[in-house]
Amino acid sequence: MRIPNFKMDDGAILYKDTVGAIIAPKVAQRVIEELDARMTERVKSVLDIACGPGTVSLAIAKKNPAVQVTGIDSSEAMLRQAALAAQRDKVDNVNFIQMDANAIAFEEKFDLAVCNLAFPFFSKPAQSMAGIKKSLSDGGEAVLSVPGAQTWQEFFEVVESEFKTAARMAKPFRAKINQAEKLPQAMQAAGFQHVEVSHDKIPFRFEAGVQVLDFFQNLFALLSYAPPAIQDHLANAIDKRYPQGFTMHYDAVIVRGGQDS
């Protein structure tokens, strides 16, 4: 299994066609619902950290034309996609800036900050979290999403039952999950108040086992080391266990925290 480099052009395109098309929008919808609940008259500006192709930034900007939305990302390729989407949709209250999450620095303050799915990829999470908090105005809030420990659990249970190798296959994925689980503590350590956590299991349904394998192969080359016979065996095992179709879940964890007034 490998985690693609989403900062490069090829990786940005891969993200757009896989995570960005299949996973991120579904989790983003849950995040946007959280933001909507906080979009009071007090909120005049929103910061989207590691905005990628602008999924959340553009949705918030479109729904709140009086609010200025700023999206930052370290990937120039991602930002090009976001800017093109804003131009295409004629959204003029959003701007995109190349900035690393490890070095968030603004003179102005933001009333609301959001980060969808990126925290597990921060190389210096404590530094990033401190930067997010520092960027908020008095009374500002932050909403972040990360994958929970039960993400794709149904798939890994099948793999473990058939081959006893789920731990090996999932090692890079588990490394990201382990960092994701540190998000509430990272927010508290940065000084966020009233940190709250909620889980939302998002279903992903597949009609056949081969579709499940294609999903993971396209996403993270999860089975790149496995010979075709092993992949066929796993696809057949899924079909045998779930003849009416296979559903696995993305465990979307939403963490909220505030900045004291």
Protein backbone atom coordinates (compact mmCIF):
# COMPACT_ATOMS: atom_id res chain seq x y z
CA MET A 1 0.00 0.00 0.00
CA ARG A 2 1.23 3.51 -0.78
CA ILE A 3 -0.17 6.94 -0.05
CA PRO A 4 0.04 9.05 -3.24
CA ASN A 5 1.85 12.38 -3.25
CA PHE A 6 -1.10 14.70 -3.74
CA LYS A 7 1.19 17.74 -4.04
CA MET A 8 2.39 16.75 -7.51
CA ASP A 9 0.32 17.20 -10.67
CA ASP A 10 -0.21 13.47 -11.10
CA GLY A 11 -1.16 13.10 -7.45
CA ALA A 12 -3.55 16.05 -7.64
CA ILE A 13 -5.30 14.49 -10.62
CA LEU A 14 -5.43 11.15 -8.81
CA TYR A 15 -6.93 12.88 -5.79
CA LYS A 16 -9.51 14.61 -7.97
CA ASP A 17 -10.56 11.32 -9.55
CA THR A 18 -10.49 9.17 -6.39
CA VAL A 19 -10.50 10.70 -2.90
CA GLY A 20 -11.70 14.02 -4.26
CA ALA A 21 -14.54 12.45 -6.23
CA ILE A 22 -15.60 9.58 -3.98
CA ILE A 23 -14.67 10.20 -0.34
CA ALA A 24 -13.94 13.89 0.26
CA PRO A 25 -17.31 15.24 -0.99
CA LYS A 26 -19.27 12.90 1.28
CA VAL A 27 -17.23 13.82 4.33
CA ALA A 28 -17.23 17.46 3.23
CA GLN A 29 -21.02 17.48 3.25
CA ARG A 30 -20.98 16.49 6.91
CA VAL A 31 -18.35 19.15 7.63
CA ILE A 32 -20.37 21.77 5.75
CA GLU A 33 -23.41 20.95 7.89
CA GLU A 34 -21.29 21.70 10.96
CA LEU A 35 -20.15 24.98 9.42
CA ASP A 36 -23.70 25.93 8.48
CA ALA A 37 -24.71 25.61 12.13
CA ARG A 38 -21.97 28.08 13.03
CA MET A 39 -22.52 30.54 10.19
CA THR A 40 -24.01 33.31 12.31
CA GLU A 41 -23.94 37.04 11.56
CA ARG A 42 -20.69 37.18 13.53
CA VAL A 43 -18.89 35.13 10.89
CA LYS A 44 -17.40 37.35 8.20
CA SER A 45 -14.42 35.21 7.18
CA VAL A 46 -13.56 31.52 6.87
CA LEU A 47 -10.15 29.84 6.52
CA ASP A 48 -10.01 26.43 4.81
CA ILE A 49 -6.72 24.70 5.69
CA ALA A 50 -5.34 22.20 3.15
CA CYS A 51 -8.26 23.09 0.92
CA GLY A 52 -7.25 20.78 -1.94
CA PRO A 53 -9.39 21.43 -5.03
CA GLY A 54 -11.66 23.73 -3.03
CA THR A 55 -14.51 21.35 -2.22
CA VAL A 56 -15.38 22.98 1.11
CA SER A 57 -14.17 26.51 0.28
CA LEU A 58 -16.38 26.80 -2.78
CA ALA A 59 -19.44 25.31 -1.10
CA ILE A 60 -19.23 27.77 1.79
CA ALA A 61 -18.54 30.73 -0.50
CA LYS A 62 -21.50 29.91 -2.73
CA LYS A 63 -23.90 29.57 0.21
CA ASN A 64 -22.61 32.70 1.98
CA PRO A 65 -21.84 35.44 -0.58
CA ALA A 66 -21.24 38.02 2.17
CA VAL A 67 -18.52 35.89 3.77
CA GLN A 68 -14.92 36.01 2.55
CA VAL A 69 -13.44 32.51 2.21
CA THR A 70 -9.70 31.85 2.00
CA GLY A 71 -8.35 28.44 1.06
CA ILE A 72 -4.73 27.49 1.63
CA ASP A 73 -2.81 24.46 0.42
CA SER A 74 0.85 23.60 -0.09
CA SER A 75 0.11 22.05 -3.49
CA GLU A 76 0.18 24.42 -6.45
CA ALA A 77 -1.55 21.73 -8.52
CA MET A 78 -4.46 21.56 -6.08
CA LEU A 79 -4.78 25.33 -5.97
CA ARG A 80 -4.94 25.50 -9.77
CA GLN A 81 -7.91 23.16 -9.69
CA ALA A 82 -9.60 25.23 -6.99
CA ALA A 83 -9.04 28.53 -8.81
CA LEU A 84 -10.34 27.10 -12.08
CA ALA A 85 -13.46 25.83 -10.32
CA ALA A 86 -14.06 29.25 -8.74
CA GLN A 87 -13.64 30.94 -12.11
CA ARG A 88 -15.93 28.43 -13.81
CA ASP A 89 -18.66 28.86 -11.18
CA LYS A 90 -18.17 32.64 -11.00
CA VAL A 91 -17.50 32.64 -7.25
CA ASP A 92 -15.83 35.94 -6.37
CA ASN A 93 -15.79 35.81 -2.54
CA VAL A 94 -13.12 33.10 -2.35
CA ASN A 95 -9.36 33.27 -2.85
CA PHE A 96 -6.70 30.58 -2.77
CA ILE A 97 -3.17 30.99 -1.40
CA GLN A 98 -0.22 28.63 -1.46
CA MET A 99 0.74 28.09 2.17
CA ASP A 100 1.99 25.11 4.13
CA ALA A 101 -0.15 23.97 7.06
CA ASN A 102 3.03 23.87 9.14
CA ALA A 103 3.53 27.61 8.64
CA ILE A 104 0.13 29.28 8.77
CA ALA A 105 0.69 33.02 8.99
CA PHE A 106 -1.88 35.76 8.43
CA GLU A 107 -2.05 39.34 9.61
CA GLU A 108 -5.84 39.19 9.61
CA LYS A 109 -7.94 36.90 11.81
CA PHE A 110 -10.65 34.49 10.72
CA ASP A 111 -13.96 33.84 12.44
CA LEU A 112 -14.14 30.20 11.42
CA ALA A 113 -11.53 27.64 10.37
CA VAL A 114 -12.08 24.30 8.69
CA CYS A 115 -9.86 21.40 7.68
CA ASN A 116 -11.32 18.42 5.84
CA LEU A 117 -9.36 15.13 6.05
CA ALA A 118 -5.88 16.70 5.99
CA PHE A 119 -4.76 16.53 9.64
CA PRO A 120 -3.33 12.96 9.37
CA PHE A 121 -1.00 14.22 6.62
CA PHE A 122 0.44 17.16 8.60
CA SER A 123 4.15 16.55 9.17
CA LYS A 124 4.14 18.83 12.22
CA PRO A 125 0.60 18.50 13.63
CA ALA A 126 1.25 20.43 16.84
CA GLN A 127 2.73 23.33 14.88
CA SER A 128 -0.14 23.26 12.40
CA MET A 129 -2.73 23.25 15.17
CA ALA A 130 -1.04 26.18 16.91
CA GLY A 131 -1.12 28.07 13.59
CA ILE A 132 -4.82 27.37 13.13
CA LYS A 133 -5.64 28.63 16.61
CA LYS A 134 -3.49 31.73 16.16
CA SER A 135 -5.33 32.55 12.93
CA LEU A 136 -8.72 32.71 14.68
CA SER A 137 -10.39 35.83 15.98
CA ASP A 138 -11.66 36.04 19.57
CA GLY A 139 -14.58 33.67 19.85
CA GLY A 140 -13.61 31.92 16.61
CA GLU A 141 -14.17 28.22 16.06
CA ALA A 142 -12.49 25.39 14.17
CA VAL A 143 -14.08 22.30 12.60
CA LEU A 144 -11.83 19.46 11.44
CA SER A 145 -12.58 16.03 10.02
CA VAL A 146 -10.40 12.92 10.13
CA PRO A 147 -10.91 9.21 9.37
CA GLY A 148 -11.88 7.16 12.41
CA ALA A 149 -10.46 3.83 13.53
CA GLN A 150 -13.40 1.88 12.08
CA THR A 151 -12.86 3.14 8.53
CA TRP A 152 -13.10 0.26 6.01
CA GLN A 153 -13.24 -2.16 8.96
CA GLU A 154 -15.52 -4.56 7.08
CA PHE A 155 -12.97 -4.94 4.30
CA PHE A 156 -10.05 -5.53 6.63
CA GLU A 157 -12.07 -8.16 8.50
CA VAL A 158 -12.49 -10.14 5.28
CA VAL A 159 -8.78 -9.83 4.47
CA GLU A 160 -7.77 -10.93 7.96
CA SER A 161 -10.13 -13.90 7.85
CA GLU A 162 -8.87 -15.08 4.48
CA PHE A 163 -5.15 -14.33 4.64
CA LYS A 164 -4.22 -13.19 8.16
CA THR A 165 -2.42 -10.26 6.51
CA ALA A 166 -4.68 -7.30 7.17
CA ALA A 167 -2.14 -5.77 9.53
CA ARG A 168 0.55 -5.78 6.83
CA MET A 169 -1.76 -4.40 4.16
CA ALA A 170 -3.11 -1.69 6.40
CA LYS A 171 0.16 -0.54 8.00
CA PRO A 172 0.53 2.82 6.12
CA PHE A 173 -3.21 3.40 6.45
CA ARG A 174 -3.09 2.65 10.17
CA ALA A 175 -0.23 5.13 10.58
CA LYS A 176 -2.53 7.87 9.29
CA ILE A 177 -5.39 6.65 11.48
CA ASN A 178 -3.11 6.71 14.53
CA GLN A 179 -2.29 10.36 13.84
CA ALA A 180 -5.96 11.14 13.19
CA GLU A 181 -6.87 9.78 16.61
CA LYS A 182 -4.56 12.39 18.19
CA LEU A 183 -6.58 15.30 16.79
CA PRO A 184 -8.68 16.06 19.93
CA GLN A 185 -5.58 16.02 22.12
CA ALA A 186 -3.72 18.21 19.61
CA MET A 187 -6.51 20.77 19.70
CA GLN A 188 -6.60 20.78 23.48
CA ALA A 189 -2.81 21.11 23.64
CA ALA A 190 -3.01 24.12 21.29
CA GLY A 191 -5.44 25.79 23.70
CA PHE A 192 -8.77 25.16 22.01
CA GLN A 193 -11.71 25.17 24.41
CA HIS A 194 -14.82 22.99 24.51
CA VAL A 195 -13.37 20.32 22.18
CA GLU A 196 -16.15 17.98 21.02
CA VAL A 197 -16.00 14.81 18.92
CA SER A 198 -18.69 13.08 16.87
CA HIS A 199 -18.70 10.06 14.55
CA ASP A 200 -20.65 9.55 11.35
CA LYS A 201 -20.46 6.20 9.54
CA ILE A 202 -20.73 6.88 5.79
CA PRO A 203 -21.65 3.78 3.73
CA PHE A 204 -19.89 2.82 0.51
CA ARG A 205 -21.70 0.06 -1.37
CA PHE A 206 -20.24 -2.21 -4.06
CA GLU A 207 -22.10 -4.74 -6.16
CA ALA A 208 -19.14 -7.12 -6.48
CA GLY A 209 -15.81 -7.88 -4.85
CA VAL A 210 -13.82 -6.84 -7.90
CA GLN A 211 -15.24 -3.33 -7.52
CA VAL A 212 -13.97 -3.19 -3.94
CA LEU A 213 -10.48 -4.17 -5.05
CA ASP A 214 -10.56 -1.64 -7.89
CA PHE A 215 -11.58 1.04 -5.38
CA PHE A 216 -8.57 0.41 -3.16
CA GLN A 217 -6.17 -0.21 -5.99
CA ASN A 218 -7.01 3.10 -7.64
CA LEU A 219 -6.91 4.92 -4.33
CA PHE A 220 -3.76 3.71 -2.57
CA ALA A 221 -2.48 0.73 -4.60
CA LEU A 222 -3.46 -1.26 -1.53
CA LEU A 223 -2.94 -4.62 -3.22
CA SER A 224 0.07 -3.73 -5.33
CA TYR A 225 2.20 -6.45 -3.74
CA ALA A 226 -0.45 -9.18 -4.06
CA PRO A 227 -0.35 -11.47 -7.15
CA PRO A 228 -3.49 -11.71 -9.31
CA ALA A 229 -4.43 -15.08 -7.79
CA ILE A 230 -4.59 -13.53 -4.31
CA GLN A 231 -6.65 -10.62 -5.56
CA ASP A 232 -9.05 -12.99 -7.31
CA HIS A 233 -9.37 -15.03 -4.14
CA LEU A 234 -10.21 -11.94 -2.09
CA ALA A 235 -12.78 -10.71 -4.62
CA ASN A 236 -14.42 -14.15 -4.65
CA ALA A 237 -14.44 -14.27 -0.85
CA ILE A 238 -16.29 -10.95 -0.71
CA ASP A 239 -18.81 -12.18 -3.29
CA LYS A 240 -19.35 -15.42 -1.39
CA ARG A 241 -19.89 -13.69 1.94
CA TYR A 242 -21.95 -10.84 0.53
CA PRO A 243 -23.83 -12.15 -2.53
CA GLN A 244 -26.27 -9.21 -2.41
CA GLY A 245 -23.47 -6.65 -2.47
CA PHE A 246 -20.82 -5.44 -0.05
CA THR A 247 -21.07 -2.30 2.08
CA MET A 248 -18.17 -0.90 4.05
CA HIS A 249 -18.10 2.34 5.98
CA TYR A 250 -15.94 5.42 6.22
CA ASP A 251 -15.83 6.48 9.86
CA ALA A 252 -15.97 10.26 9.57
CA VAL A 253 -14.84 11.90 12.79
CA ILE A 254 -15.73 15.57 13.26
CA VAL A 255 -13.83 17.50 15.93
CA ARG A 256 -14.87 20.99 16.99
CA GLY A 257 -13.13 23.49 19.23
CA GLY A 258 -13.37 27.16 20.09
CA GLN A 259 -11.19 30.18 20.81
CA ASP A 260 -12.15 32.04 23.95
CA SER A 261 -13.60 35.53 23.50
